[in-house]
Protein backbone atom coordinates (compact mmCIF):
# COMPACT_ATOMS: atom_id res chain seq x y z
CA MET A 1 -39.86 73.61 -10.80
CA MET A 2 -41.80 70.37 -10.45
CA LYS A 3 -40.73 69.34 -13.95
CA THR A 4 -37.10 69.91 -13.05
CA SER A 5 -37.42 67.84 -9.92
CA ARG A 6 -38.98 65.00 -11.86
CA THR A 7 -36.21 65.15 -14.42
CA LYS A 8 -33.58 64.98 -11.63
CA LEU A 9 -35.45 62.07 -10.08
CA VAL A 10 -35.50 60.16 -13.38
CA ILE A 11 -31.82 60.79 -13.98
CA GLY A 12 -31.03 59.66 -10.43
CA LEU A 13 -32.99 56.47 -10.91
CA VAL A 14 -31.28 55.72 -14.21
CA MET A 15 -27.86 56.27 -12.67
CA LEU A 16 -28.79 54.00 -9.77
CA ILE A 17 -29.89 51.25 -12.15
CA LEU A 18 -26.72 51.56 -14.21
CA ALA A 19 -24.56 51.44 -11.12
CA GLY A 20 -26.35 48.29 -10.02
CA ALA A 21 -25.90 46.71 -13.46
CA PHE A 22 -22.19 47.45 -13.43
CA THR A 23 -21.82 45.96 -9.94
CA VAL A 24 -23.64 42.80 -11.00
CA ARG A 25 -21.45 42.56 -14.09
CA ALA A 26 -18.29 43.02 -12.05
CA ASP A 27 -19.41 40.36 -9.55
CA ASP A 28 -20.25 38.00 -12.39
CA ASP A 29 -16.85 38.49 -14.03
CA LYS A 30 -15.10 37.90 -10.71
CA SER A 31 -17.12 34.68 -10.18
CA LYS A 32 -16.25 33.40 -13.64
CA LYS A 33 -12.56 34.05 -13.11
CA GLU A 34 -12.68 32.24 -9.77
CA ASP A 35 -14.33 29.30 -11.55
CA ALA A 36 -11.53 29.34 -14.17
CA VAL A 37 -8.83 29.28 -11.49
CA ALA A 38 -10.65 26.49 -9.64
CA ARG A 39 -10.73 24.44 -12.82
CA LEU A 40 -6.99 24.86 -13.25
CA GLN A 41 -6.42 23.70 -9.67
CA LYS A 42 -8.64 20.64 -10.09
CA ALA A 43 -7.02 19.79 -13.40
CA SER A 44 -3.59 19.86 -11.70
CA SER A 45 -4.71 17.42 -9.06
CA ALA A 46 -6.41 15.11 -11.56
CA LEU A 47 -3.35 14.98 -13.84
CA GLU A 48 -1.02 14.17 -10.95
CA GLN A 49 -3.26 11.37 -9.72
CA LEU A 50 -3.62 9.77 -13.14
CA ALA A 51 0.01 10.08 -14.17
CA ASN A 52 1.33 8.70 -10.90
CA THR A 53 -1.05 5.82 -10.30
CA PRO A 54 1.18 2.84 -9.31
CA ASP A 55 1.59 0.25 -12.11
CA LYS A 56 -1.36 1.78 -14.01
CA GLY A 57 -0.16 5.32 -14.65
CA ILE A 58 0.55 6.98 -17.95
CA PRO A 59 3.67 5.35 -19.54
CA ASP A 60 6.82 7.40 -19.84
CA GLU A 61 6.99 6.88 -23.62
CA VAL A 62 3.49 8.28 -24.03
CA LEU A 63 4.20 11.34 -21.92
CA ARG A 64 7.39 12.04 -23.84
CA GLY A 65 5.53 11.85 -27.18
CA ALA A 66 2.54 14.00 -26.23
CA LYS A 67 2.25 17.29 -28.08
CA CYS A 68 -0.65 18.56 -26.00
CA ILE A 69 -2.36 17.60 -22.76
CA ALA A 70 -6.06 18.14 -22.07
CA VAL A 71 -7.55 17.50 -18.62
CA ILE A 72 -11.17 17.22 -17.55
CA PRO A 73 -11.13 17.01 -13.75
CA ASN A 74 -14.86 16.27 -13.39
CA LEU A 75 -16.51 14.33 -16.19
CA THR A 76 -20.09 13.42 -15.28
CA LYS A 77 -22.80 11.18 -16.65
CA ALA A 78 -26.52 11.95 -16.80
CA GLY A 79 -28.67 8.83 -17.01
CA PHE A 80 -28.68 5.21 -15.97
CA ILE A 81 -26.15 2.77 -17.52
CA VAL A 82 -26.05 4.72 -20.78
CA GLY A 83 -26.33 8.49 -20.87
CA VAL A 84 -24.98 11.83 -21.91
CA THR A 85 -21.52 12.88 -20.69
CA ARG A 86 -20.40 16.40 -20.02
CA GLY A 87 -17.20 17.89 -18.73
CA ARG A 88 -15.31 21.16 -18.61
CA GLY A 89 -11.60 20.97 -19.18
CA VAL A 90 -8.36 22.83 -19.87
CA SER A 91 -5.58 22.14 -22.34
CA THR A 92 -2.00 23.21 -23.07
CA CYS A 93 0.42 22.40 -25.88
CA ARG A 94 4.19 22.03 -25.99
CA LEU A 95 5.90 24.95 -27.73
CA ALA A 96 9.00 24.85 -29.98
CA ASN A 97 11.14 26.08 -27.11
CA GLY A 98 10.08 23.18 -24.91
CA ARG A 99 7.83 25.18 -22.60
CA TRP A 100 4.07 24.82 -22.28
CA SER A 101 1.52 27.20 -23.75
CA ALA A 102 -1.01 29.35 -21.99
CA PRO A 103 -4.00 27.13 -21.14
CA ALA A 104 -7.14 27.09 -23.24
CA PHE A 105 -10.49 26.02 -21.80
CA PHE A 106 -12.97 23.68 -23.50
CA THR A 107 -16.09 21.64 -22.90
CA LEU A 108 -16.76 18.01 -23.85
CA THR A 109 -20.29 16.83 -24.51
CA GLY A 110 -21.67 13.49 -25.62
CA GLY A 111 -20.03 10.06 -25.69
CA ASN A 112 -21.12 6.54 -24.92
CA TRP A 113 -20.50 4.84 -21.60
CA GLY A 114 -19.83 1.23 -20.80
CA ALA A 115 -21.70 -0.76 -18.17
CA GLN A 116 -21.70 1.33 -15.01
CA ILE A 117 -24.01 2.78 -12.41
CA GLY A 118 -23.71 5.97 -10.40
CA VAL A 119 -20.30 7.10 -11.68
CA GLU A 120 -19.24 10.54 -10.50
CA ASP A 121 -16.15 12.71 -10.66
CA VAL A 122 -14.32 10.86 -13.38
CA HIS A 123 -10.87 12.31 -14.05
CA LEU A 124 -10.13 12.28 -17.76
CA VAL A 125 -6.80 13.06 -19.40
CA ILE A 126 -6.44 13.27 -23.19
CA LEU A 127 -3.00 13.21 -24.67
CA ILE A 128 -2.66 14.60 -28.20
CA MET A 129 0.00 12.60 -29.94
CA ASN A 130 0.53 14.07 -33.42
CA ASP A 131 0.17 17.23 -35.51
CA LYS A 132 -3.30 16.26 -36.84
CA GLY A 133 -4.59 15.81 -33.32
CA MET A 134 -3.08 19.16 -32.34
CA ASN A 135 -4.69 20.89 -35.34
CA ASP A 136 -8.05 19.38 -34.36
CA LEU A 137 -7.64 20.71 -30.82
CA LEU A 138 -7.07 24.22 -32.25
CA LYS A 139 -10.56 24.25 -33.79
CA ASP A 140 -13.49 25.93 -32.11
CA LYS A 141 -15.39 22.59 -32.28
CA VAL A 142 -14.35 19.09 -33.30
CA GLN A 143 -16.18 15.74 -33.14
CA ILE A 144 -14.24 12.76 -31.87
CA GLY A 145 -14.68 9.78 -34.16
CA ALA A 146 -15.77 11.83 -37.20
CA GLU A 147 -12.95 14.34 -37.37
CA ALA A 148 -10.48 13.20 -34.73
CA SER A 149 -9.64 9.68 -33.60
CA ALA A 150 -9.25 8.72 -29.95
CA SER A 151 -8.55 5.47 -28.15
CA ALA A 152 -7.75 4.25 -24.65
CA GLY A 153 -4.08 4.63 -23.93
CA PRO A 154 -1.74 1.92 -22.75
CA VAL A 155 -1.01 1.86 -19.01
CA GLY A 156 1.98 0.96 -16.89
CA ARG A 157 5.33 2.54 -16.40
CA HIS A 158 6.45 1.55 -19.91
CA ALA A 159 4.27 1.12 -23.01
CA SER A 160 4.94 -1.88 -25.26
CA ALA A 161 6.99 -1.00 -28.32
CA GLY A 162 4.53 -2.91 -30.52
CA THR A 163 1.32 -1.05 -29.52
CA ASP A 164 -0.68 0.88 -32.08
CA TRP A 165 -0.48 4.20 -30.26
CA LYS A 166 2.85 4.90 -31.94
CA LEU A 167 1.29 4.73 -35.36
CA GLU A 168 -1.70 6.91 -36.30
CA THR A 169 -3.41 7.54 -32.98
CA GLU A 170 -4.29 11.23 -32.61
CA MET A 171 -5.53 11.15 -29.04
CA LEU A 172 -4.99 8.76 -26.14
CA THR A 173 -7.38 8.83 -23.23
CA TYR A 174 -6.86 7.93 -19.56
CA SER A 175 -9.60 7.95 -16.95
CA ARG A 176 -9.94 7.32 -13.25
CA SER A 177 -12.82 7.28 -10.80
CA LYS A 178 -13.36 6.50 -7.11
CA GLY A 179 -16.61 4.71 -7.95
CA LEU A 180 -17.60 1.87 -10.25
CA PHE A 181 -15.93 2.45 -13.61
CA ALA A 182 -15.91 0.28 -16.74
CA GLY A 183 -14.50 2.74 -19.26
CA VAL A 184 -15.72 5.66 -21.37
CA ASP A 185 -15.98 5.80 -25.13
CA LEU A 186 -15.61 9.34 -26.46
CA GLY A 187 -16.77 8.49 -29.97
CA GLY A 188 -19.37 10.97 -31.13
CA SER A 189 -18.63 13.49 -28.41
CA TYR A 190 -17.67 17.09 -29.13
CA ILE A 191 -14.73 19.10 -27.87
CA GLU A 192 -15.74 22.78 -28.04
CA ARG A 193 -14.02 26.01 -27.13
CA ASP A 194 -15.12 27.47 -23.81
CA LYS A 195 -15.00 31.12 -24.86
CA ASP A 196 -16.58 32.55 -21.72
CA THR A 197 -14.00 30.98 -19.44
CA ASP A 198 -11.09 32.08 -21.68
CA VAL A 199 -12.36 35.65 -21.53
CA ALA A 200 -12.85 35.42 -17.73
CA LEU A 201 -9.21 34.35 -17.17
CA TYR A 202 -7.48 36.55 -19.72
CA GLY A 203 -9.70 39.61 -19.45
CA ARG A 204 -10.24 39.81 -23.19
CA GLU A 205 -11.29 37.67 -26.11
CA VAL A 206 -8.55 35.28 -27.20
CA THR A 207 -8.67 32.37 -29.66
CA THR A 208 -7.64 28.79 -29.00
CA PRO A 209 -4.83 28.94 -31.64
CA GLU A 210 -3.47 32.14 -30.06
CA LEU A 211 -3.32 30.43 -26.67
CA LEU A 212 -2.00 27.01 -27.65
CA THR A 213 0.64 28.24 -30.10
CA GLY A 214 2.30 30.63 -27.72
CA LYS A 215 1.01 33.95 -29.00
CA VAL A 216 -0.46 34.76 -25.55
CA PRO A 217 1.74 34.50 -22.44
CA PRO A 218 0.46 32.32 -19.56
CA PRO A 219 -1.19 34.33 -16.79
CA PRO A 220 0.04 34.03 -13.18
CA GLU A 221 -3.05 31.98 -12.30
CA ALA A 222 -1.96 29.25 -14.69
CA ARG A 223 1.55 28.79 -13.29
CA ALA A 224 0.70 26.01 -10.85
CA PHE A 225 -1.11 24.02 -13.56
CA LEU A 226 1.73 24.42 -16.06
CA ASN A 227 4.27 23.45 -13.42
CA VAL A 228 2.39 20.21 -12.82
CA VAL A 229 2.29 19.49 -16.56
CA SER A 230 6.03 20.15 -16.94
CA ASN A 231 6.84 18.14 -13.84
CA VAL A 232 4.85 15.17 -15.02
CA LYS A 233 6.56 15.34 -18.41
CA SER A 234 9.99 15.81 -16.94
CA GLU A 235 9.65 12.69 -14.81
CA ALA A 236 9.49 10.76 -18.03
CA LYS A 237 12.91 12.05 -19.03
CA ASN A 238 16.42 11.26 -17.87
CA PRO A 239 17.71 13.58 -15.15
CA ASP A 240 20.22 15.23 -17.45
CA GLU A 241 17.45 16.18 -19.86
CA LYS A 242 15.67 18.41 -17.35
CA HIS A 243 15.95 22.17 -17.54
CA VAL A 244 14.16 24.77 -15.39
CA ASP A 245 12.91 28.15 -16.51
CA LYS A 246 13.83 30.51 -13.68
CA ALA A 247 10.98 32.90 -14.46
CA THR A 248 8.13 30.38 -14.55
CA GLY A 249 9.52 27.34 -12.73
CA GLN A 250 8.60 25.11 -15.73
CA LYS A 251 10.76 22.13 -16.44
CA TYR A 252 11.44 21.36 -20.09
C-alpha cells in the first residue's frame, strides 16, 4: 500500500514538473512572437522616417530600383569611438507579381564606426539593388565586404544619373540617429539568419529563401510593415502606376 502511494506521488510530481515546463515553454514562445511583432512595428517607423526625411531622404530612383529592403530599427554600438555593432532587423523582397514577400528576420554583427561618441538607436535601412545582392541576402550568413558589397547611398529626392550606385552596387545603406552620428561602415560585418524569430512568428521552421521568394504567405502580423514598404515604394512612382491589392492593402 505504501509502495503504491509512493508511486502515485512520484507520478504526480513528474506530471506537475512537465506541466510547469510546458507552461514556461508556452510563455517563452509567446514572448518571442511579441518581440517579433514589435520589431516589425519599429522597422515600419524607422523606414518611414528615413525615406521621408526632407531633402535627405532616399531618392525615388533608388527606391524604384530596389529588389529587397532590409531594416534595422535599433543598431547599437558597444565601446568608445570604435566598437562592435549589433542590430536585429527584418527584410522583404519584391516578387514577380509586384507584391512584397513575407518578412525574414536577421541579425547584423560587426562593422567599423566613424568618429562618434554615445550613439544610440541608429535606424539603418539597407536596399538590395541587384540579383547578386538578393542572392547574398538569401544565404544563412553572409559577410559584407568579403562576399557582398555595400556603400552609403545617395540622398535627396532625386539621385544623380552619374552616380556609381546604378552600376555594380549590391547594397546601399541609409542611416539616421537622434544623437551624434558620423556614419557607419558595414565592411566586415555579418548578416545572419535569425532562425528563432522566424520560428516565433511563423510557428514552424522556415528558411530565408522560402520567405523572400514568396513560397510562404505573409502572416497577418506583417501586414502593417509590408504596407509601409509598398507605400514608400509607391510614392516613388507616378500616380497612374499605383495598384492596390484589395486583400492585403499593398500598393504595387
